[in-house]
Amino acid sequence: MPSDAELPPPPLCWPIDIREIGAKALNGERAATADERLALADFLGLVSVERLHVQYVLTPRSGGKARLRGHLSAKVEQACVVTHEALAATVEEDFDFEFWPAEELAAFEPAEDAVFGADDPDPPEPLVDGRIDLGALATELLGVSLDPYPRTPGAEFKPPADDAALAADNPFVVLSKLKTRGGAH
């Protein structure tokens, strides 16, 4: 598995510097441009991204922390895992994240035997130089919200009818033929 350093950067880079918003909440929205949607489709292995829109409220908190809440809305086309036909999908996801300075995150480390449930809040995300990358967050949220195995209604996988053709491609069958021809040693 590649390390984070080996992963390509997300295609959307929408930084928000929490130090520039003051003490009041910042209400905002962002929509991906045509070029960003093309890059996002390529990054996530999609046929296309027709629309990606994020509405958010960023609320500063004491100690350099922040809370980011909002809604992601997207319309994409995925390839059916059986037929490879384009399949339309709509994503509507609410989000709520806490961001803390990196030095504060060490205090949040859970015990080794800690058990978390599906309804438990996510651990805080790190602030990098006082910034939140809304684009990277939107990319990740879209990626985890998509159906990992999209299938056109009624599409069924049917293995090849000729099992002999499958067996001929199997390297172990080829090796076993060599063994029987040459005899056992």
N, C-alpha and C. Protein backbone atom coordinates (compact mmCIF):
# COMPACT_ATOMS: atom_id res chain seq x y z
N MET A 1 0.85 -1.18 0.00
CA MET A 1 0.00 0.00 0.00
C MET A 1 0.90 1.24 0.00
N PRO A 2 0.60 2.20 -0.88
CA PRO A 2 1.46 3.38 -0.95
C PRO A 2 1.27 4.25 0.29
N SER A 3 2.33 4.94 0.67
CA SER A 3 2.23 5.87 1.79
C SER A 3 1.56 7.15 1.31
N ASP A 4 1.16 7.99 2.27
CA ASP A 4 0.53 9.26 1.91
C ASP A 4 1.42 10.11 1.01
N ALA A 5 2.74 9.99 1.19
CA ALA A 5 3.67 10.77 0.38
C ALA A 5 3.64 10.34 -1.08
N GLU A 6 3.24 9.09 -1.35
CA GLU A 6 3.21 8.57 -2.71
C GLU A 6 1.88 8.82 -3.42
N LEU A 7 0.85 9.19 -2.68
CA LEU A 7 -0.45 9.41 -3.28
C LEU A 7 -0.46 10.73 -4.06
N PRO A 8 -1.15 10.76 -5.19
CA PRO A 8 -1.22 12.02 -5.92
C PRO A 8 -2.06 13.02 -5.12
N PRO A 9 -1.79 14.29 -5.29
CA PRO A 9 -2.59 15.29 -4.56
C PRO A 9 -4.02 15.29 -5.11
N PRO A 10 -5.00 15.62 -4.26
CA PRO A 10 -6.38 15.68 -4.76
C PRO A 10 -6.49 16.77 -5.83
N PRO A 11 -7.41 16.60 -6.77
CA PRO A 11 -7.52 17.54 -7.88
C PRO A 11 -8.10 18.90 -7.50
N LEU A 12 -8.81 18.97 -6.38
CA LEU A 12 -9.40 20.23 -5.95
C LEU A 12 -8.57 20.81 -4.81
N CYS A 13 -8.21 22.05 -4.91
CA CYS A 13 -7.47 22.72 -3.85
C CYS A 13 -8.20 24.03 -3.57
N TRP A 14 -9.02 24.01 -2.51
CA TRP A 14 -9.80 25.17 -2.12
C TRP A 14 -9.46 25.53 -0.68
N PRO A 15 -8.30 26.14 -0.42
CA PRO A 15 -7.91 26.41 0.96
C PRO A 15 -8.73 27.55 1.59
N ILE A 16 -8.99 27.37 2.88
CA ILE A 16 -9.63 28.41 3.68
C ILE A 16 -8.72 28.63 4.89
N ASP A 17 -8.26 29.85 5.08
CA ASP A 17 -7.39 30.17 6.21
C ASP A 17 -8.28 30.64 7.36
N ILE A 18 -8.33 29.86 8.43
CA ILE A 18 -9.23 30.22 9.53
C ILE A 18 -8.77 31.48 10.26
N ARG A 19 -7.50 31.84 10.11
CA ARG A 19 -6.99 33.05 10.75
C ARG A 19 -7.53 34.32 10.09
N GLU A 20 -8.06 34.17 8.87
CA GLU A 20 -8.55 35.35 8.13
C GLU A 20 -10.05 35.59 8.27
N ILE A 21 -10.75 34.71 9.00
CA ILE A 21 -12.20 34.87 9.06
C ILE A 21 -12.68 35.58 10.32
N GLY A 22 -11.78 35.85 11.26
CA GLY A 22 -12.17 36.55 12.48
C GLY A 22 -12.93 35.64 13.43
N ALA A 23 -13.73 36.26 14.29
CA ALA A 23 -14.44 35.51 15.34
C ALA A 23 -15.82 35.04 14.91
N LYS A 24 -16.32 35.55 13.80
CA LYS A 24 -17.67 35.16 13.34
C LYS A 24 -17.59 34.00 12.37
N ALA A 25 -18.69 33.29 12.25
CA ALA A 25 -18.76 32.17 11.32
C ALA A 25 -18.71 32.68 9.88
N LEU A 26 -18.12 31.87 9.03
CA LEU A 26 -18.03 32.18 7.60
C LEU A 26 -18.98 31.25 6.86
N ASN A 27 -19.95 31.82 6.17
CA ASN A 27 -20.86 31.05 5.33
C ASN A 27 -20.33 31.13 3.91
N GLY A 28 -20.24 30.01 3.24
CA GLY A 28 -19.73 30.03 1.89
C GLY A 28 -20.24 28.89 1.04
N GLU A 29 -19.91 28.95 -0.21
CA GLU A 29 -20.21 27.86 -1.12
C GLU A 29 -19.17 27.84 -2.21
N ARG A 30 -19.03 26.68 -2.80
CA ARG A 30 -18.02 26.50 -3.86
C ARG A 30 -18.54 25.46 -4.84
N ALA A 31 -18.34 25.71 -6.11
CA ALA A 31 -18.71 24.76 -7.16
C ALA A 31 -17.48 24.48 -8.01
N ALA A 32 -17.32 23.23 -8.39
CA ALA A 32 -16.17 22.84 -9.22
C ALA A 32 -16.34 23.39 -10.63
N THR A 33 -15.25 23.88 -11.19
CA THR A 33 -15.25 24.36 -12.57
C THR A 33 -15.23 23.15 -13.52
N ALA A 34 -15.39 23.41 -14.80
CA ALA A 34 -15.35 22.33 -15.79
C ALA A 34 -14.02 21.59 -15.74
N ASP A 35 -12.90 22.32 -15.67
CA ASP A 35 -11.58 21.67 -15.60
C ASP A 35 -11.42 20.87 -14.31
N GLU A 36 -11.91 21.42 -13.20
CA GLU A 36 -11.84 20.69 -11.93
C GLU A 36 -12.68 19.42 -11.97
N ARG A 37 -13.84 19.48 -12.61
CA ARG A 37 -14.71 18.29 -12.71
C ARG A 37 -14.04 17.21 -13.56
N LEU A 38 -13.35 17.60 -14.63
CA LEU A 38 -12.61 16.63 -15.45
C LEU A 38 -11.50 15.97 -14.63
N ALA A 39 -10.75 16.77 -13.90
CA ALA A 39 -9.66 16.24 -13.07
C ALA A 39 -10.20 15.35 -11.96
N LEU A 40 -11.33 15.72 -11.39
CA LEU A 40 -11.96 14.94 -10.33
C LEU A 40 -12.45 13.59 -10.86
N ALA A 41 -13.04 13.59 -12.05
CA ALA A 41 -13.50 12.33 -12.66
C ALA A 41 -12.32 11.40 -12.90
N ASP A 42 -11.23 11.94 -13.40
CA ASP A 42 -10.02 11.14 -13.63
C ASP A 42 -9.47 10.60 -12.31
N PHE A 43 -9.39 11.44 -11.30
CA PHE A 43 -8.84 11.07 -9.99
C PHE A 43 -9.65 9.95 -9.34
N LEU A 44 -10.99 10.01 -9.45
CA LEU A 44 -11.87 9.03 -8.81
C LEU A 44 -12.26 7.87 -9.73
N GLY A 45 -11.77 7.88 -10.96
CA GLY A 45 -12.09 6.80 -11.89
C GLY A 45 -13.54 6.80 -12.33
N LEU A 46 -14.10 7.99 -12.53
CA LEU A 46 -15.49 8.13 -12.94
C LEU A 46 -15.57 8.42 -14.44
N VAL A 47 -16.72 8.13 -15.03
CA VAL A 47 -16.94 8.48 -16.43
C VAL A 47 -16.97 10.01 -16.55
N SER A 48 -17.71 10.66 -15.64
CA SER A 48 -17.77 12.12 -15.64
C SER A 48 -18.29 12.62 -14.30
N VAL A 49 -18.00 13.89 -14.04
CA VAL A 49 -18.60 14.62 -12.92
C VAL A 49 -19.35 15.78 -13.55
N GLU A 50 -20.66 15.69 -13.48
CA GLU A 50 -21.50 16.72 -14.11
C GLU A 50 -21.64 17.95 -13.22
N ARG A 51 -21.65 17.72 -11.88
CA ARG A 51 -21.83 18.82 -10.95
C ARG A 51 -21.22 18.44 -9.61
N LEU A 52 -20.56 19.40 -8.97
CA LEU A 52 -20.09 19.25 -7.59
C LEU A 52 -20.23 20.62 -6.94
N HIS A 53 -21.03 20.65 -5.88
CA HIS A 53 -21.31 21.90 -5.20
C HIS A 53 -21.22 21.66 -3.70
N VAL A 54 -20.57 22.60 -2.99
CA VAL A 54 -20.42 22.50 -1.54
C VAL A 54 -20.90 23.80 -0.91
N GLN A 55 -21.81 23.68 0.06
CA GLN A 55 -22.22 24.80 0.90
C GLN A 55 -21.66 24.52 2.28
N TYR A 56 -21.14 25.55 2.96
CA TYR A 56 -20.51 25.29 4.25
C TYR A 56 -20.64 26.47 5.20
N VAL A 57 -20.47 26.15 6.49
CA VAL A 57 -20.36 27.15 7.55
C VAL A 57 -19.11 26.78 8.33
N LEU A 58 -18.16 27.70 8.39
CA LEU A 58 -16.93 27.49 9.14
C LEU A 58 -17.00 28.38 10.38
N THR A 59 -16.94 27.72 11.55
CA THR A 59 -17.04 28.43 12.81
C THR A 59 -15.73 28.32 13.58
N PRO A 60 -15.05 29.45 13.82
CA PRO A 60 -13.82 29.40 14.61
C PRO A 60 -14.15 29.04 16.05
N ARG A 61 -13.22 28.34 16.69
CA ARG A 61 -13.37 27.97 18.10
C ARG A 61 -12.11 28.40 18.83
N SER A 62 -12.17 28.38 20.14
CA SER A 62 -11.01 28.79 20.93
C SER A 62 -9.85 27.84 20.71
N GLY A 63 -8.65 28.34 20.96
CA GLY A 63 -7.45 27.52 20.84
C GLY A 63 -7.03 27.24 19.41
N GLY A 64 -7.51 28.04 18.45
CA GLY A 64 -7.13 27.84 17.05
C GLY A 64 -7.87 26.68 16.40
N LYS A 65 -8.95 26.23 17.00
CA LYS A 65 -9.75 25.12 16.45
C LYS A 65 -10.87 25.69 15.59
N ALA A 66 -11.50 24.82 14.80
CA ALA A 66 -12.61 25.26 13.95
C ALA A 66 -13.56 24.09 13.72
N ARG A 67 -14.81 24.43 13.44
CA ARG A 67 -15.82 23.43 13.07
C ARG A 67 -16.32 23.78 11.68
N LEU A 68 -16.35 22.76 10.82
CA LEU A 68 -16.82 22.94 9.44
C LEU A 68 -18.02 22.04 9.23
N ARG A 69 -19.16 22.66 8.97
CA ARG A 69 -20.39 21.92 8.68
C ARG A 69 -20.89 22.34 7.31
N GLY A 70 -21.62 21.43 6.67
CA GLY A 70 -22.18 21.81 5.39
C GLY A 70 -22.82 20.65 4.65
N HIS A 71 -22.94 20.87 3.34
CA HIS A 71 -23.62 19.90 2.48
C HIS A 71 -22.89 19.81 1.14
N LEU A 72 -22.62 18.59 0.71
CA LEU A 72 -22.01 18.34 -0.60
C LEU A 72 -23.09 17.75 -1.50
N SER A 73 -23.18 18.27 -2.70
CA SER A 73 -24.14 17.79 -3.70
C SER A 73 -23.38 17.53 -4.99
N ALA A 74 -23.57 16.35 -5.57
CA ALA A 74 -22.85 16.03 -6.81
C ALA A 74 -23.71 15.15 -7.71
N LYS A 75 -23.46 15.30 -9.00
CA LYS A 75 -24.07 14.42 -10.00
C LYS A 75 -22.91 13.88 -10.82
N VAL A 76 -22.80 12.54 -10.86
CA VAL A 76 -21.67 11.90 -11.54
C VAL A 76 -22.19 10.76 -12.43
N GLU A 77 -21.29 10.27 -13.27
CA GLU A 77 -21.54 9.05 -14.03
C GLU A 77 -20.43 8.07 -13.70
N GLN A 78 -20.83 6.87 -13.26
CA GLN A 78 -19.89 5.80 -12.98
C GLN A 78 -20.05 4.73 -14.05
N ALA A 79 -19.04 3.89 -14.20
CA ALA A 79 -19.13 2.78 -15.15
C ALA A 79 -19.68 1.56 -14.42
N CYS A 80 -20.67 0.92 -15.01
CA CYS A 80 -21.24 -0.30 -14.46
C CYS A 80 -20.13 -1.35 -14.39
N VAL A 81 -20.03 -2.07 -13.26
CA VAL A 81 -18.96 -3.06 -13.10
C VAL A 81 -19.17 -4.28 -13.98
N VAL A 82 -20.37 -4.47 -14.53
CA VAL A 82 -20.64 -5.62 -15.38
C VAL A 82 -20.58 -5.24 -16.86
N THR A 83 -21.33 -4.20 -17.23
CA THR A 83 -21.47 -3.86 -18.65
C THR A 83 -20.55 -2.72 -19.09
N HIS A 84 -19.99 -1.99 -18.16
CA HIS A 84 -19.15 -0.80 -18.40
C HIS A 84 -19.94 0.36 -18.99
N GLU A 85 -21.28 0.28 -18.98
CA GLU A 85 -22.12 1.38 -19.43
C GLU A 85 -22.07 2.50 -18.40
N ALA A 86 -22.24 3.74 -18.86
CA ALA A 86 -22.30 4.88 -17.94
C ALA A 86 -23.59 4.80 -17.14
N LEU A 87 -23.46 5.05 -15.84
CA LEU A 87 -24.58 4.93 -14.91
C LEU A 87 -24.62 6.21 -14.08
N ALA A 88 -25.73 6.94 -14.15
CA ALA A 88 -25.85 8.20 -13.42
C ALA A 88 -26.00 7.94 -11.92
N ALA A 89 -25.36 8.79 -11.11
CA ALA A 89 -25.48 8.70 -9.65
C ALA A 89 -25.53 10.12 -9.09
N THR A 90 -26.32 10.28 -8.04
CA THR A 90 -26.42 11.55 -7.35
C THR A 90 -25.95 11.35 -5.91
N VAL A 91 -25.14 12.26 -5.43
CA VAL A 91 -24.65 12.20 -4.05
C VAL A 91 -25.13 13.45 -3.33
N GLU A 92 -25.75 13.26 -2.18
CA GLU A 92 -26.17 14.34 -1.29
C GLU A 92 -25.67 13.96 0.09
N GLU A 93 -24.68 14.67 0.60
CA GLU A 93 -24.06 14.32 1.88
C GLU A 93 -23.90 15.55 2.76
N ASP A 94 -24.41 15.44 4.00
CA ASP A 94 -24.12 16.45 5.01
C ASP A 94 -22.80 16.09 5.67
N PHE A 95 -22.06 17.09 6.13
CA PHE A 95 -20.81 16.81 6.82
C PHE A 95 -20.66 17.74 8.02
N ASP A 96 -19.87 17.27 8.98
CA ASP A 96 -19.61 18.02 10.21
C ASP A 96 -18.25 17.57 10.72
N PHE A 97 -17.24 18.44 10.62
CA PHE A 97 -15.87 18.08 11.00
C PHE A 97 -15.31 19.10 11.97
N GLU A 98 -14.50 18.61 12.88
CA GLU A 98 -13.72 19.45 13.77
C GLU A 98 -12.30 19.49 13.23
N PHE A 99 -11.68 20.64 13.28
CA PHE A 99 -10.27 20.80 12.88
C PHE A 99 -9.51 21.39 14.06
N TRP A 100 -8.38 20.77 14.37
CA TRP A 100 -7.54 21.21 15.48
C TRP A 100 -6.11 21.42 14.99
N PRO A 101 -5.38 22.32 15.66
CA PRO A 101 -3.95 22.42 15.35
C PRO A 101 -3.27 21.07 15.59
N ALA A 102 -2.29 20.74 14.79
CA ALA A 102 -1.63 19.43 14.86
C ALA A 102 -1.11 19.12 16.25
N GLU A 103 -0.56 20.12 16.94
CA GLU A 103 -0.01 19.87 18.27
C GLU A 103 -1.09 19.51 19.29
N GLU A 104 -2.32 19.90 19.04
CA GLU A 104 -3.45 19.57 19.93
C GLU A 104 -3.95 18.15 19.69
N LEU A 105 -3.71 17.60 18.51
CA LEU A 105 -4.23 16.27 18.18
C LEU A 105 -3.60 15.17 19.03
N ALA A 106 -2.37 15.36 19.48
CA ALA A 106 -1.72 14.34 20.31
C ALA A 106 -2.52 14.09 21.58
N ALA A 107 -3.18 15.10 22.11
CA ALA A 107 -3.99 14.95 23.31
C ALA A 107 -5.27 14.17 23.04
N PHE A 108 -5.63 14.02 21.79
CA PHE A 108 -6.88 13.34 21.43
C PHE A 108 -6.67 11.84 21.18
N GLU A 109 -5.43 11.35 21.21
CA GLU A 109 -5.16 9.95 20.91
C GLU A 109 -5.99 9.04 21.80
N PRO A 110 -6.83 8.17 21.20
CA PRO A 110 -7.64 7.25 22.00
C PRO A 110 -6.78 6.11 22.56
N ALA A 111 -7.28 5.48 23.61
CA ALA A 111 -6.58 4.33 24.19
C ALA A 111 -6.55 3.20 23.17
N GLU A 112 -5.54 2.32 23.30
CA GLU A 112 -5.40 1.21 22.34
C GLU A 112 -6.64 0.33 22.27
N ASP A 113 -7.30 0.14 23.41
CA ASP A 113 -8.46 -0.77 23.45
C ASP A 113 -9.79 -0.02 23.27
N ALA A 114 -9.75 1.24 22.84
CA ALA A 114 -10.97 2.02 22.64
C ALA A 114 -11.80 1.41 21.52
N VAL A 115 -13.11 1.41 21.71
CA VAL A 115 -14.04 0.88 20.72
C VAL A 115 -14.95 2.04 20.29
N PHE A 116 -15.06 2.22 18.99
CA PHE A 116 -15.88 3.31 18.47
C PHE A 116 -17.07 2.74 17.71
N GLY A 117 -18.21 3.39 17.85
CA GLY A 117 -19.42 2.99 17.14
C GLY A 117 -19.63 3.85 15.91
N ALA A 118 -20.54 3.41 15.05
CA ALA A 118 -20.83 4.13 13.80
C ALA A 118 -21.39 5.53 14.06
N ASP A 119 -22.07 5.72 15.18
CA ASP A 119 -22.68 7.02 15.47
C ASP A 119 -21.77 7.95 16.26
N ASP A 120 -20.58 7.47 16.64
CA ASP A 120 -19.63 8.31 17.36
C ASP A 120 -19.09 9.38 16.43
N PRO A 121 -18.79 10.57 16.98
CA PRO A 121 -18.23 11.62 16.11
C PRO A 121 -16.84 11.21 15.61
N ASP A 122 -16.50 11.71 14.43
CA ASP A 122 -15.17 11.46 13.88
C ASP A 122 -14.14 12.20 14.72
N PRO A 123 -12.93 11.66 14.78
CA PRO A 123 -11.87 12.41 15.49
C PRO A 123 -11.56 13.68 14.72
N PRO A 124 -10.96 14.67 15.40
CA PRO A 124 -10.65 15.92 14.71
C PRO A 124 -9.62 15.71 13.60
N GLU A 125 -9.72 16.57 12.61
CA GLU A 125 -8.78 16.60 11.49
C GLU A 125 -7.70 17.64 11.80
N PRO A 126 -6.49 17.47 11.26
CA PRO A 126 -5.45 18.47 11.54
C PRO A 126 -5.60 19.72 10.68
N LEU A 127 -5.36 20.85 11.31
CA LEU A 127 -5.23 22.11 10.57
C LEU A 127 -3.79 22.18 10.09
N VAL A 128 -3.58 22.51 8.86
CA VAL A 128 -2.23 22.64 8.32
C VAL A 128 -1.97 24.12 8.07
N ASP A 129 -1.07 24.69 8.85
CA ASP A 129 -0.75 26.12 8.77
C ASP A 129 -2.00 26.98 8.90
N GLY A 130 -2.94 26.57 9.77
CA GLY A 130 -4.16 27.35 9.99
C GLY A 130 -5.15 27.28 8.86
N ARG A 131 -4.96 26.32 7.96
CA ARG A 131 -5.83 26.22 6.77
C ARG A 131 -6.58 24.88 6.73
N ILE A 132 -7.75 24.96 6.12
CA ILE A 132 -8.56 23.78 5.81
C ILE A 132 -8.65 23.72 4.30
N ASP A 133 -8.39 22.56 3.71
CA ASP A 133 -8.52 22.42 2.26
C ASP A 133 -9.90 21.85 1.96
N LEU A 134 -10.85 22.73 1.68
CA LEU A 134 -12.22 22.33 1.39
C LEU A 134 -12.27 21.44 0.14
N GLY A 135 -11.40 21.67 -0.82
CA GLY A 135 -11.38 20.87 -2.04
C GLY A 135 -10.96 19.43 -1.78
N ALA A 136 -9.92 19.24 -0.97
CA ALA A 136 -9.48 17.89 -0.63
C ALA A 136 -10.57 17.18 0.16
N LEU A 137 -11.21 17.90 1.07
CA LEU A 137 -12.30 17.32 1.86
C LEU A 137 -13.47 16.91 0.95
N ALA A 138 -13.83 17.78 0.00
CA ALA A 138 -14.93 17.47 -0.93
C ALA A 138 -14.58 16.25 -1.79
N THR A 139 -13.34 16.15 -2.24
CA THR A 139 -12.89 15.00 -3.03
C THR A 139 -13.04 13.71 -2.23
N GLU A 140 -12.56 13.73 -0.99
CA GLU A 140 -12.63 12.54 -0.15
C GLU A 140 -14.08 12.18 0.17
N LEU A 141 -14.89 13.16 0.51
CA LEU A 141 -16.28 12.90 0.84
C LEU A 141 -17.05 12.33 -0.35
N LEU A 142 -16.80 12.86 -1.54
CA LEU A 142 -17.44 12.32 -2.73
C LEU A 142 -16.98 10.89 -2.97
N GLY A 143 -15.69 10.65 -2.87
CA GLY A 143 -15.14 9.32 -3.13
C GLY A 143 -15.72 8.25 -2.22
N VAL A 144 -15.86 8.55 -0.92
CA VAL A 144 -16.38 7.53 0.01
C VAL A 144 -17.89 7.41 -0.06
N SER A 145 -18.57 8.37 -0.70
CA SER A 145 -20.02 8.33 -0.80
C SER A 145 -20.52 7.58 -2.03
N LEU A 146 -19.64 7.31 -2.97
CA LEU A 146 -20.04 6.63 -4.20
C LEU A 146 -20.23 5.13 -3.99
N ASP A 147 -21.09 4.54 -4.79
CA ASP A 147 -21.28 3.10 -4.77
C ASP A 147 -20.00 2.46 -5.31
N PRO A 148 -19.34 1.60 -4.52
CA PRO A 148 -18.09 1.01 -5.00
C PRO A 148 -18.29 -0.01 -6.13
N TYR A 149 -19.50 -0.53 -6.27
CA TYR A 149 -19.79 -1.51 -7.32
C TYR A 149 -21.08 -1.13 -8.04
N PRO A 150 -21.05 -0.04 -8.80
CA PRO A 150 -22.27 0.39 -9.48
C PRO A 150 -22.68 -0.64 -10.54
N ARG A 151 -23.97 -0.90 -10.59
CA ARG A 151 -24.47 -1.91 -11.52
C ARG A 151 -25.74 -1.42 -12.18
N THR A 152 -25.78 -1.51 -13.51
CA THR A 152 -26.97 -1.18 -14.26
C THR A 152 -28.08 -2.13 -13.84
N PRO A 153 -29.30 -1.63 -13.63
CA PRO A 153 -30.39 -2.53 -13.22
C PRO A 153 -30.52 -3.71 -14.19
N GLY A 154 -30.57 -4.90 -13.62
CA GLY A 154 -30.72 -6.12 -14.42
C GLY A 154 -29.41 -6.70 -14.94
N ALA A 155 -28.31 -5.99 -14.78
CA ALA A 155 -27.02 -6.50 -15.29
C ALA A 155 -26.53 -7.62 -14.38
N GLU A 156 -26.14 -8.73 -15.00
CA GLU A 156 -25.62 -9.88 -14.26
C GLU A 156 -24.31 -10.32 -14.86
N PHE A 157 -23.38 -10.67 -13.99
CA PHE A 157 -22.11 -11.21 -14.46
C PHE A 157 -22.31 -12.67 -14.82
N LYS A 158 -21.89 -13.05 -16.01
CA LYS A 158 -21.98 -14.44 -16.44
C LYS A 158 -20.58 -14.90 -16.82
N PRO A 159 -20.06 -15.89 -16.07
CA PRO A 159 -18.73 -16.38 -16.41
C PRO A 159 -18.75 -17.05 -17.78
N PRO A 160 -17.59 -17.14 -18.43
CA PRO A 160 -17.53 -17.80 -19.74
C PRO A 160 -18.09 -19.22 -19.64
N ALA A 161 -18.83 -19.62 -20.68
CA ALA A 161 -19.45 -20.95 -20.68
C ALA A 161 -18.42 -22.06 -20.83
N ASP A 162 -17.31 -21.77 -21.46
CA ASP A 162 -16.30 -22.79 -21.73
C ASP A 162 -15.28 -22.85 -20.59
N ASP A 163 -15.49 -23.78 -19.64
CA ASP A 163 -14.56 -23.93 -18.53
C ASP A 163 -13.18 -24.36 -19.01
N ALA A 164 -13.11 -25.05 -20.13
CA ALA A 164 -11.82 -25.49 -20.66
C ALA A 164 -10.96 -24.27 -21.05
N ALA A 165 -11.61 -23.23 -21.57
CA ALA A 165 -10.88 -22.02 -21.93
C ALA A 165 -10.30 -21.36 -20.68
N LEU A 166 -11.07 -21.37 -19.60
CA LEU A 166 -10.56 -20.82 -18.35
C LEU A 166 -9.41 -21.66 -17.82
N ALA A 167 -9.55 -22.97 -17.88
CA ALA A 167 -8.51 -23.87 -17.36
C ALA A 167 -7.22 -23.74 -18.17
N ALA A 168 -7.34 -23.50 -19.47
CA ALA A 168 -6.15 -23.40 -20.32
C ALA A 168 -5.30 -22.19 -19.94
N ASP A 169 -5.95 -21.13 -19.42
CA ASP A 169 -5.22 -19.94 -19.02
C ASP A 169 -4.63 -20.07 -17.61
N ASN A 170 -5.00 -21.11 -16.90
CA ASN A 170 -4.54 -21.28 -15.53
C ASN A 170 -3.11 -21.82 -15.54
N PRO A 171 -2.15 -21.11 -14.95
CA PRO A 171 -0.75 -21.55 -14.99
C PRO A 171 -0.53 -22.87 -14.26
N PHE A 172 -1.36 -23.17 -13.28
CA PHE A 172 -1.19 -24.42 -12.54
C PHE A 172 -1.59 -25.62 -13.39
N VAL A 173 -2.56 -25.44 -14.29
CA VAL A 173 -2.93 -26.53 -15.20
C VAL A 173 -1.76 -26.82 -16.14
N VAL A 174 -1.13 -25.78 -16.65
CA VAL A 174 0.02 -25.95 -17.53
C VAL A 174 1.14 -26.68 -16.79
N LEU A 175 1.43 -26.31 -15.56
CA LEU A 175 2.47 -26.97 -14.78
C LEU A 175 2.12 -28.44 -14.50
N SER A 176 0.85 -28.70 -14.22
CA SER A 176 0.48 -30.09 -13.94
C SER A 176 0.64 -30.97 -15.18
N LYS A 177 0.42 -30.40 -16.38
CA LYS A 177 0.63 -31.17 -17.61
C LYS A 177 2.10 -31.50 -17.78
N LEU A 178 2.99 -30.56 -17.44
CA LEU A 178 4.42 -30.83 -17.53
C LEU A 178 4.82 -31.94 -16.57
N LYS A 179 4.25 -31.93 -15.40
CA LYS A 179 4.57 -32.93 -14.39
C LYS A 179 4.13 -34.31 -14.83
N THR A 180 2.91 -34.42 -15.41
CA THR A 180 2.42 -35.73 -15.84
C THR A 180 3.16 -36.23 -17.07
N ARG A 181 3.61 -35.35 -17.92
CA ARG A 181 4.37 -35.76 -19.11
C ARG A 181 5.75 -36.27 -18.72
N GLY A 182 6.38 -35.57 -17.80
CA GLY A 182 7.74 -35.92 -17.42
C GLY A 182 7.79 -36.99 -16.34
N GLY A 183 6.64 -37.32 -15.76
CA GLY A 183 6.61 -38.30 -14.70
C GLY A 183 7.00 -37.68 -13.38
N ALA A 184 6.66 -38.34 -12.30
CA ALA A 184 6.96 -37.85 -10.95
C ALA A 184 8.40 -38.15 -10.61
N HIS A 185 9.07 -37.23 -9.96
CA HIS A 185 10.45 -37.44 -9.55
C HIS A 185 10.54 -37.67 -8.09
